């Protein structure tokens, strides 16, 4: 019996000796001797890389899910309380004037993402020829030296004819590399190709009316917290960036009641 008791005491002592260290103890050990971690990595580098990659992927997934949830919440808020941009009398509008959906496009003629935005806007207008109209507004960024001159040329052409302004807009975005390389020479050429009266363009180019319009556009964009380009308001609901067509479609269809409504539980 005495031997059995001694065995039990010995087993208890052994279990205490072999107890796994706590997280705090492990942390203190690694901080005291980081080589413990390095040795483990050297022993199993492939497993280490696999674990790190998996952790990074999980972190990225969680961040994306959080961003999507926040974007959805913000979008719902804007559907309930849409942003209200100004559309002045006489402003160029592309598409039917009685269209149910108005897209305000804040853009920079030299921005490569705005060129993608232009392509998507074209796709939207083809998909919704009766339901969508577009108003082009300016947000030329300081680090794009040709953005402001291009904005002024656009408005000078727009003072003559909306269709010619649309053609100028298409020419610039479809040949953006020429804008960067040929600069103002390309702007003049684009205005000519659009059918503008060049004498009138040159006369109007530096007018106070154009200056005020561009400044008003930029101020409005800042008011709506558009800091980069492109930015869009779709009946007052914002899209910030060069989103693909399905993102536009979701918002437009929701405005039109074509099955794009938010689902409720």
C-alpha atoms as a PDB file:
ATOM      1  CA  UNK A   1       0.000   0.000   0.000  1.00  0.00           C
ATOM      2  CA  UNK A   2       2.847   2.298   0.888  1.00  0.00           C
ATOM      3  CA  UNK A   3       4.444   1.582  -2.492  1.00  0.00           C
ATOM      4  CA  UNK A   4       1.190   2.437  -4.269  1.00  0.00           C
ATOM      5  CA  UNK A   5       1.001   5.791  -2.470  1.00  0.00           C
ATOM      6  CA  UNK A   6       4.570   6.565  -3.429  1.00  0.00           C
ATOM      7  CA  UNK A   7       3.782   5.724  -7.061  1.00  0.00           C
ATOM      8  CA  UNK A   8       0.787   8.076  -7.020  1.00  0.00           C
ATOM      9  CA  UNK A   9       2.840  10.908  -5.565  1.00  0.00           C
ATOM     10  CA  UNK A  10       5.539  10.314  -8.174  1.00  0.00           C
ATOM     11  CA  UNK A  11       3.028  10.363 -11.032  1.00  0.00           C
ATOM     12  CA  UNK A  12       1.567  13.652  -9.758  1.00  0.00           C
ATOM     13  CA  UNK A  13       5.017  15.185  -9.551  1.00  0.00           C
ATOM     14  CA  UNK A  14       5.806  14.019 -13.101  1.00  0.00           C
ATOM     15  CA  UNK A  15       2.555  15.495 -14.440  1.00  0.00           C
ATOM     16  CA  UNK A  16       3.419  18.837 -12.873  1.00  0.00           C
ATOM     17  CA  UNK A  17       6.880  18.777 -14.401  1.00  0.00           C
ATOM     18  CA  UNK A  18       5.476  17.986 -17.870  1.00  0.00           C
ATOM     19  CA  UNK A  19       2.650  20.570 -17.774  1.00  0.00           C
ATOM     20  CA  UNK A  20       2.572  22.735 -20.972  1.00  0.00           C
ATOM     21  CA  UNK A  21       3.856  26.313 -20.524  1.00  0.00           C
ATOM     22  CA  UNK A  22       1.320  29.149 -20.459  1.00  0.00           C
ATOM     23  CA  UNK A  23       1.035  31.726 -23.238  1.00  0.00           C
ATOM     24  CA  UNK A  24       2.657  34.251 -20.926  1.00  0.00           C
ATOM     25  CA  UNK A  25       5.596  31.938 -20.290  1.00  0.00           C
ATOM     26  CA  UNK A  26       6.030  31.288 -24.012  1.00  0.00           C
ATOM     27  CA  UNK A  27       5.949  35.017 -24.750  1.00  0.00           C
ATOM     28  CA  UNK A  28       8.532  35.730 -22.078  1.00  0.00           C
ATOM     29  CA  UNK A  29      10.749  32.913 -23.357  1.00  0.00           C
ATOM     30  CA  UNK A  30      10.637  34.165 -26.974  1.00  0.00           C
ATOM     31  CA  UNK A  31      11.276  37.762 -25.901  1.00  0.00           C
ATOM     32  CA  UNK A  32      14.256  36.594 -23.844  1.00  0.00           C
ATOM     33  CA  UNK A  33      15.609  34.393 -26.629  1.00  0.00           C
ATOM     34  CA  UNK A  34      14.208  35.150 -30.145  1.00  0.00           C
ATOM     35  CA  UNK A  35      16.445  32.461 -31.595  1.00  0.00           C
ATOM     36  CA  UNK A  36      13.801  29.961 -30.470  1.00  0.00           C
ATOM     37  CA  UNK A  37      11.529  31.233 -33.245  1.00  0.00           C
ATOM     38  CA  UNK A  38      14.337  31.402 -35.805  1.00  0.00           C
ATOM     39  CA  UNK A  39      15.301  27.823 -35.070  1.00  0.00           C
ATOM     40  CA  UNK A  40      11.705  26.679 -35.525  1.00  0.00           C
ATOM     41  CA  UNK A  41      11.471  28.506 -38.866  1.00  0.00           C
ATOM     42  CA  UNK A  42      14.736  26.968 -40.075  1.00  0.00           C
ATOM     43  CA  UNK A  43      13.508  23.525 -39.104  1.00  0.00           C
ATOM     44  CA  UNK A  44      10.220  23.841 -41.027  1.00  0.00           C
ATOM     45  CA  UNK A  45      10.409  26.827 -43.434  1.00  0.00           C
ATOM     46  CA  UNK A  46       7.685  25.576 -45.773  1.00  0.00           C
ATOM     47  CA  UNK A  47       5.215  25.140 -42.931  1.00  0.00           C
ATOM     48  CA  UNK A  48       6.088  28.604 -41.626  1.00  0.00           C
ATOM     49  CA  UNK A  49       5.435  30.220 -45.025  1.00  0.00           C
ATOM     50  CA  UNK A  50       2.170  28.305 -45.347  1.00  0.00           C
ATOM     51  CA  UNK A  51       0.977  29.532 -41.940  1.00  0.00           C
ATOM     52  CA  UNK A  52       1.972  33.139 -42.674  1.00  0.00           C
ATOM     53  CA  UNK A  53       0.254  33.105 -46.081  1.00  0.00           C
ATOM     54  CA  UNK A  54      -2.887  31.605 -44.589  1.00  0.00           C
ATOM     55  CA  UNK A  55      -2.940  34.238 -41.854  1.00  0.00           C
ATOM     56  CA  UNK A  56      -2.460  37.022 -44.429  1.00  0.00           C
ATOM     57  CA  UNK A  57      -5.265  35.633 -46.606  1.00  0.00           C
ATOM     58  CA  UNK A  58      -7.608  35.426 -43.613  1.00  0.00           C
ATOM     59  CA  UNK A  59      -6.749  38.983 -42.591  1.00  0.00           C
ATOM     60  CA  UNK A  60      -7.354  40.223 -46.140  1.00  0.00           C
ATOM     61  CA  UNK A  61     -10.670  38.354 -46.349  1.00  0.00           C
ATOM     62  CA  UNK A  62     -11.836  39.820 -43.047  1.00  0.00           C
ATOM     63  CA  UNK A  63     -10.827  43.328 -44.155  1.00  0.00           C
ATOM     64  CA  UNK A  64     -12.714  42.902 -47.451  1.00  0.00           C
ATOM     65  CA  UNK A  65     -15.822  41.611 -45.691  1.00  0.00           C
ATOM     66  CA  UNK A  66     -15.719  44.560 -43.304  1.00  0.00           C
ATOM     67  CA  UNK A  67     -15.276  47.026 -46.188  1.00  0.00           C
ATOM     68  CA  UNK A  68     -18.175  45.483 -48.129  1.00  0.00           C
ATOM     69  CA  UNK A  69     -20.430  45.656 -45.065  1.00  0.00           C
ATOM     70  CA  UNK A  70     -19.503  49.291 -44.426  1.00  0.00           C
ATOM     71  CA  UNK A  71     -20.007  50.171 -48.107  1.00  0.00           C
ATOM     72  CA  UNK A  72     -23.419  48.505 -48.110  1.00  0.00           C
ATOM     73  CA  UNK A  73     -24.478  50.386 -44.987  1.00  0.00           C
ATOM     74  CA  UNK A  74     -23.301  53.690 -46.435  1.00  0.00           C
ATOM     75  CA  UNK A  75     -25.075  52.978 -49.733  1.00  0.00           C
ATOM     76  CA  UNK A  76     -28.350  52.296 -47.926  1.00  0.00           C
ATOM     77  CA  UNK A  77     -27.969  55.605 -46.094  1.00  0.00           C
ATOM     78  CA  UNK A  78     -27.469  57.428 -49.412  1.00  0.00           C
ATOM     79  CA  UNK A  79     -30.515  55.759 -50.956  1.00  0.00           C
ATOM     80  CA  UNK A  80     -32.506  57.059 -47.998  1.00  0.00           C
ATOM     81  CA  UNK A  81     -30.829  60.489 -48.047  1.00  0.00           C
ATOM     82  CA  UNK A  82     -29.234  61.009 -51.489  1.00  0.00           C
ATOM     83  CA  UNK A  83     -26.525  63.574 -52.074  1.00  0.00           C
ATOM     84  CA  UNK A  84     -27.812  66.573 -54.015  1.00  0.00           C
ATOM     85  CA  UNK A  85     -25.459  67.916 -56.708  1.00  0.00           C
ATOM     86  CA  UNK A  86     -26.306  71.064 -58.648  1.00  0.00           C
ATOM     87  CA  UNK A  87     -27.157  70.811 -62.335  1.00  0.00           C
ATOM     88  CA  UNK A  88     -27.167  74.378 -63.616  1.00  0.00           C
ATOM     89  CA  UNK A  89     -29.373  75.563 -66.432  1.00  0.00           C
ATOM     90  CA  UNK A  90     -27.567  75.292 -69.743  1.00  0.00           C
ATOM     91  CA  UNK A  91     -25.212  72.572 -68.587  1.00  0.00           C
ATOM     92  CA  UNK A  92     -24.408  69.887 -71.173  1.00  0.00           C
ATOM     93  CA  UNK A  93     -26.409  66.718 -70.514  1.00  0.00           C
ATOM     94  CA  UNK A  94     -25.962  63.471 -72.467  1.00  0.00           C
ATOM     95  CA  UNK A  95     -29.002  61.262 -72.750  1.00  0.00           C
ATOM     96  CA  UNK A  96     -32.749  61.962 -72.491  1.00  0.00           C
ATOM     97  CA  UNK A  97     -33.506  65.038 -70.416  1.00  0.00           C
ATOM     98  CA  UNK A  98     -36.429  63.225 -68.780  1.00  0.00           C
ATOM     99  CA  UNK A  99     -34.321  60.163 -67.836  1.00  0.00           C
ATOM    100  CA  UNK A 100     -35.168  58.701 -64.438  1.00  0.00           C
ATOM    101  CA  UNK A 101     -31.518  58.327 -63.431  1.00  0.00           C
ATOM    102  CA  UNK A 102     -28.905  61.083 -63.510  1.00  0.00           C
ATOM    103  CA  UNK A 103     -25.218  60.192 -63.286  1.00  0.00           C
ATOM    104  CA  UNK A 104     -22.852  62.963 -62.254  1.00  0.00           C
ATOM    105  CA  UNK A 105     -19.310  62.090 -63.301  1.00  0.00           C
ATOM    106  CA  UNK A 106     -16.444  63.884 -61.499  1.00  0.00           C
ATOM    107  CA  UNK A 107     -13.388  63.293 -63.608  1.00  0.00           C
ATOM    108  CA  UNK A 108      -9.844  64.220 -64.617  1.00  0.00           C
ATOM    109  CA  UNK A 109      -8.956  63.946 -68.310  1.00  0.00           C
ATOM    110  CA  UNK A 110      -5.399  62.792 -67.548  1.00  0.00           C
ATOM    111  CA  UNK A 111      -6.325  60.155 -64.946  1.00  0.00           C
ATOM    112  CA  UNK A 112      -5.944  56.573 -66.279  1.00  0.00           C
ATOM    113  CA  UNK A 113      -8.716  55.343 -63.978  1.00  0.00           C
ATOM    114  CA  UNK A 114     -11.009  58.017 -65.413  1.00  0.00           C
ATOM    115  CA  UNK A 115     -10.393  56.519 -68.861  1.00  0.00           C
ATOM    116  CA  UNK A 116     -11.729  53.227 -67.459  1.00  0.00           C
ATOM    117  CA  UNK A 117     -14.627  55.152 -65.957  1.00  0.00           C
ATOM    118  CA  UNK A 118     -15.353  56.655 -69.376  1.00  0.00           C
ATOM    119  CA  UNK A 119     -15.579  53.175 -70.897  1.00  0.00           C
ATOM    120  CA  UNK A 120     -17.990  52.070 -68.195  1.00  0.00           C
ATOM    121  CA  UNK A 121     -20.168  55.163 -68.638  1.00  0.00           C
ATOM    122  CA  UNK A 122     -20.386  54.348 -72.352  1.00  0.00           C
ATOM    123  CA  UNK A 123     -21.483  50.816 -71.462  1.00  0.00           C
ATOM    124  CA  UNK A 124     -24.104  52.181 -69.060  1.00  0.00           C
ATOM    125  CA  UNK A 125     -25.524  54.588 -71.656  1.00  0.00           C
ATOM    126  CA  UNK A 126     -25.849  51.775 -74.192  1.00  0.00           C
ATOM    127  CA  UNK A 127     -27.568  49.517 -71.650  1.00  0.00           C
ATOM    128  CA  UNK A 128     -29.986  52.232 -70.476  1.00  0.00           C
ATOM    129  CA  UNK A 129     -30.587  54.504 -73.503  1.00  0.00           C
ATOM    130  CA  UNK A 130     -33.927  55.828 -72.189  1.00  0.00           C
ATOM    131  CA  UNK A 131     -33.353  55.730 -68.450  1.00  0.00           C
ATOM    132  CA  UNK A 132     -29.942  57.359 -67.878  1.00  0.00           C
ATOM    133  CA  UNK A 133     -28.501  60.798 -68.514  1.00  0.00           C
ATOM    134  CA  UNK A 134     -24.957  61.914 -67.715  1.00  0.00           C
ATOM    135  CA  UNK A 135     -23.523  65.227 -66.561  1.00  0.00           C
ATOM    136  CA  UNK A 136     -19.743  65.530 -66.814  1.00  0.00           C
ATOM    137  CA  UNK A 137     -18.051  67.571 -64.076  1.00  0.00           C
ATOM    138  CA  UNK A 138     -14.428  68.396 -63.398  1.00  0.00           C
ATOM    139  CA  UNK A 139     -12.040  67.342 -60.664  1.00  0.00           C
ATOM    140  CA  UNK A 140      -8.577  67.984 -62.186  1.00  0.00           C
ATOM    141  CA  UNK A 141      -5.863  66.766 -59.827  1.00  0.00           C
ATOM    142  CA  UNK A 142      -2.769  68.858 -59.121  1.00  0.00           C
ATOM    143  CA  UNK A 143      -0.306  66.151 -60.189  1.00  0.00           C
ATOM    144  CA  UNK A 144      -1.879  65.861 -63.670  1.00  0.00           C
ATOM    145  CA  UNK A 145      -0.574  68.969 -65.471  1.00  0.00           C
ATOM    146  CA  UNK A 146      -2.823  68.572 -68.526  1.00  0.00           C
ATOM    147  CA  UNK A 147      -6.034  67.929 -66.578  1.00  0.00           C
ATOM    148  CA  UNK A 148      -6.943  71.579 -66.044  1.00  0.00           C
ATOM    149  CA  UNK A 149      -6.162  72.682 -69.638  1.00  0.00           C
ATOM    150  CA  UNK A 150      -8.252  69.760 -70.918  1.00  0.00           C
ATOM    151  CA  UNK A 151     -11.135  70.763 -68.633  1.00  0.00           C
ATOM    152  CA  UNK A 152     -11.027  74.309 -70.004  1.00  0.00           C
ATOM    153  CA  UNK A 153     -11.014  73.079 -73.618  1.00  0.00           C
ATOM    154  CA  UNK A 154     -13.958  70.793 -72.867  1.00  0.00           C
ATOM    155  CA  UNK A 155     -15.998  73.677 -71.471  1.00  0.00           C
ATOM    156  CA  UNK A 156     -15.018  75.942 -74.368  1.00  0.00           C
ATOM    157  CA  UNK A 157     -16.286  73.315 -76.812  1.00  0.00           C
ATOM    158  CA  UNK A 158     -19.391  72.726 -74.668  1.00  0.00           C
ATOM    159  CA  UNK A 159     -20.276  76.413 -74.926  1.00  0.00           C
ATOM    160  CA  UNK A 160     -20.765  75.787 -78.652  1.00  0.00           C
ATOM    161  CA  UNK A 161     -22.514  72.422 -78.741  1.00  0.00           C
ATOM    162  CA  UNK A 162     -23.181  69.527 -76.355  1.00  0.00           C
ATOM    163  CA  UNK A 163     -22.709  66.856 -79.013  1.00  0.00           C
ATOM    164  CA  UNK A 164     -19.327  68.310 -79.961  1.00  0.00           C
ATOM    165  CA  UNK A 165     -18.329  68.356 -76.294  1.00  0.00           C
ATOM    166  CA  UNK A 166     -19.268  64.659 -76.063  1.00  0.00           C
ATOM    167  CA  UNK A 167     -17.109  63.899 -79.086  1.00  0.00           C
ATOM    168  CA  UNK A 168     -14.205  65.855 -77.566  1.00  0.00           C
ATOM    169  CA  UNK A 169     -14.647  63.897 -74.305  1.00  0.00           C
ATOM    170  CA  UNK A 170     -14.511  60.598 -76.214  1.00  0.00           C
ATOM    171  CA  UNK A 171     -11.434  61.601 -78.237  1.00  0.00           C
ATOM    172  CA  UNK A 172      -9.461  62.598 -75.139  1.00  0.00           C
ATOM    173  CA  UNK A 173     -10.234  59.501 -73.092  1.00  0.00           C
ATOM    174  CA  UNK A 174      -9.751  57.125 -76.016  1.00  0.00           C
ATOM    175  CA  UNK A 175      -6.350  58.653 -76.834  1.00  0.00           C
ATOM    176  CA  UNK A 176      -5.116  59.615 -73.384  1.00  0.00           C
ATOM    177  CA  UNK A 177      -1.487  58.826 -74.206  1.00  0.00           C
ATOM    178  CA  UNK A 178      -1.522  61.581 -76.828  1.00  0.00           C
ATOM    179  CA  UNK A 179      -2.698  64.062 -74.205  1.00  0.00           C
ATOM    180  CA  UNK A 180       0.367  63.294 -72.093  1.00  0.00           C
ATOM    181  CA  UNK A 181       2.834  63.348 -74.988  1.00  0.00           C
ATOM    182  CA  UNK A 182       1.458  66.053 -77.298  1.00  0.00           C
ATOM    183  CA  UNK A 183      -0.109  68.213 -74.575  1.00  0.00           C
ATOM    184  CA  UNK A 184      -1.989  71.313 -75.752  1.00  0.00           C
ATOM    185  CA  UNK A 185      -1.357  70.475 -79.405  1.00  0.00           C
ATOM    186  CA  UNK A 186      -3.484  67.384 -78.917  1.00  0.00           C
ATOM    187  CA  UNK A 187      -6.234  69.398 -77.188  1.00  0.00           C
ATOM    188  CA  UNK A 188      -6.441  71.740 -80.168  1.00  0.00           C
ATOM    189  CA  UNK A 189      -6.498  68.804 -82.556  1.00  0.00           C
ATOM    190  CA  UNK A 190      -9.227  67.084 -80.536  1.00  0.00           C
ATOM    191  CA  UNK A 191     -11.360  70.229 -80.521  1.00  0.00           C
ATOM    192  CA  UNK A 192     -10.970  70.497 -84.307  1.00  0.00           C
ATOM    193  CA  UNK A 193     -11.887  66.830 -84.789  1.00  0.00           C
ATOM    194  CA  UNK A 194     -14.937  67.392 -82.613  1.00  0.00           C
ATOM    195  CA  UNK A 195     -16.066  70.075 -85.060  1.00  0.00           C
ATOM    196  CA  UNK A 196     -15.591  73.108 -82.819  1.00  0.00           C
ATOM    197  CA  UNK A 197     -15.096  76.650 -84.121  1.00  0.00           C
ATOM    198  CA  UNK A 198     -11.464  77.108 -83.096  1.00  0.00           C
ATOM    199  CA  UNK A 199     -11.545  80.902 -83.137  1.00  0.00           C
ATOM    200  CA  UNK A 200     -14.397  80.829 -80.665  1.00  0.00           C
ATOM    201  CA  UNK A 201     -12.646  78.143 -78.577  1.00  0.00           C
ATOM    202  CA  UNK A 202      -9.554  80.339 -78.273  1.00  0.00           C
ATOM    203  CA  UNK A 203     -11.700  83.322 -77.354  1.00  0.00           C
ATOM    204  CA  UNK A 204     -13.655  81.456 -74.668  1.00  0.00           C
ATOM    205  CA  UNK A 205     -10.822  79.303 -73.313  1.00  0.00           C
ATOM    206  CA  UNK A 206      -9.764  81.647 -70.516  1.00  0.00           C
ATOM    207  CA  UNK A 207     -13.180  83.141 -69.796  1.00  0.00           C
ATOM    208  CA  UNK A 208     -14.334  83.806 -66.257  1.00  0.00           C
ATOM    209  CA  UNK A 209     -17.444  81.682 -66.896  1.00  0.00           C
ATOM    210  CA  UNK A 210     -15.314  78.584 -67.521  1.00  0.00           C
ATOM    211  CA  UNK A 211     -13.121  79.311 -64.505  1.00  0.00           C
ATOM    212  CA  UNK A 212     -16.158  79.609 -62.230  1.00  0.00           C
ATOM    213  CA  UNK A 213     -17.747  76.430 -63.592  1.00  0.00           C
ATOM    214  CA  UNK A 214     -14.634  74.318 -62.999  1.00  0.00           C
ATOM    215  CA  UNK A 215     -14.089  75.811 -59.551  1.00  0.00           C
ATOM    216  CA  UNK A 216     -17.723  75.103 -58.644  1.00  0.00           C
ATOM    217  CA  UNK A 217     -17.363  71.489 -59.802  1.00  0.00           C
ATOM    218  CA  UNK A 218     -14.229  71.009 -57.718  1.00  0.00           C
ATOM    219  CA  UNK A 219     -15.827  72.574 -54.656  1.00  0.00           C
ATOM    220  CA  UNK A 220     -18.886  70.353 -54.999  1.00  0.00           C
ATOM    221  CA  UNK A 221     -16.721  67.242 -55.342  1.00  0.00           C
ATOM    222  CA  UNK A 222     -14.856  68.166 -52.161  1.00  0.00           C
ATOM    223  CA  UNK A 223     -18.162  68.779 -50.367  1.00  0.00           C
ATOM    224  CA  UNK A 224     -19.142  65.197 -51.179  1.00  0.00           C
ATOM    225  CA  UNK A 225     -15.708  63.942 -50.021  1.00  0.00           C
ATOM    226  CA  UNK A 226     -14.448  62.937 -53.457  1.00  0.00           C
ATOM    227  CA  UNK A 227     -10.672  63.206 -53.051  1.00  0.00           C
ATOM    228  CA  UNK A 228      -9.664  61.016 -56.003  1.00  0.00           C
ATOM    229  CA  UNK A 229     -10.988  60.352 -59.477  1.00  0.00           C
ATOM    230  CA  UNK A 230     -13.217  59.168 -60.942  1.00  0.00           C
ATOM    231  CA  UNK A 231     -16.222  59.668 -58.704  1.00  0.00           C
ATOM    232  CA  UNK A 232     -19.884  59.196 -59.578  1.00  0.00           C
ATOM    233  CA  UNK A 233     -23.251  60.095 -58.115  1.00  0.00           C
ATOM    234  CA  UNK A 234     -26.095  57.932 -59.401  1.00  0.00           C
ATOM    235  CA  UNK A 235     -29.275  59.752 -58.386  1.00  0.00           C
ATOM    236  CA  UNK A 236     -27.288  60.897 -55.369  1.00  0.00           C
ATOM    237  CA  UNK A 237     -25.748  57.503 -54.494  1.00  0.00           C
ATOM    238  CA  UNK A 238     -21.961  57.562 -54.670  1.00  0.00           C
ATOM    239  CA  UNK A 239     -19.466  55.281 -56.372  1.00  0.00           C
ATOM    240  CA  UNK A 240     -15.898  56.235 -55.568  1.00  0.00           C
ATOM    241  CA  UNK A 241     -13.532  54.816 -58.155  1.00  0.00           C
ATOM    242  CA  UNK A 242     -13.472  53.098 -61.529  1.00  0.00           C
ATOM    243  CA  UNK A 243     -16.052  50.446 -60.671  1.00  0.00           C
ATOM    244  CA  UNK A 244     -17.122  47.947 -63.358  1.00  0.00           C
ATOM    245  CA  UNK A 245     -20.529  47.947 -65.033  1.00  0.00           C
ATOM    246  CA  UNK A 246     -22.257  45.521 -62.594  1.00  0.00           C
ATOM    247  CA  UNK A 247     -21.795  48.006 -59.729  1.00  0.00           C
ATOM    248  CA  UNK A 248     -23.507  50.742 -61.765  1.00  0.00           C
ATOM    249  CA  UNK A 249     -26.229  48.316 -62.833  1.00  0.00           C
ATOM    250  CA  UNK A 250     -27.014  47.329 -59.251  1.00  0.00           C
ATOM    251  CA  UNK A 251     -27.585  50.952 -58.211  1.00  0.00           C
ATOM    252  CA  UNK A 252     -29.449  51.938 -61.389  1.00  0.00           C
ATOM    253  CA  UNK A 253     -31.759  48.918 -61.230  1.00  0.00           C
ATOM    254  CA  UNK A 254     -32.497  49.638 -57.594  1.00  0.00           C
ATOM    255  CA  UNK A 255     -33.486  53.198 -58.535  1.00  0.00           C
ATOM    256  CA  UNK A 256     -35.636  51.876 -61.376  1.00  0.00           C
ATOM    257  CA  UNK A 257     -37.197  49.117 -59.295  1.00  0.00           C
ATOM    258  CA  UNK A 258     -35.901  46.381 -61.592  1.00  0.00           C
ATOM    259  CA  UNK A 259     -35.024  43.804 -58.988  1.00  0.00           C
ATOM    260  CA  UNK A 260     -32.051  45.724 -57.612  1.00  0.00           C
ATOM    261  CA  UNK A 261     -33.777  46.540 -54.312  1.00  0.00           C
ATOM    262  CA  UNK A 262     -31.996  45.656 -51.126  1.00  0.00           C
ATOM    263  CA  UNK A 263     -33.235  42.352 -49.767  1.00  0.00           C
ATOM    264  CA  UNK A 264     -34.689  42.376 -46.266  1.00  0.00           C
ATOM    265  CA  UNK A 265     -35.025  39.499 -43.848  1.00  0.00           C
END
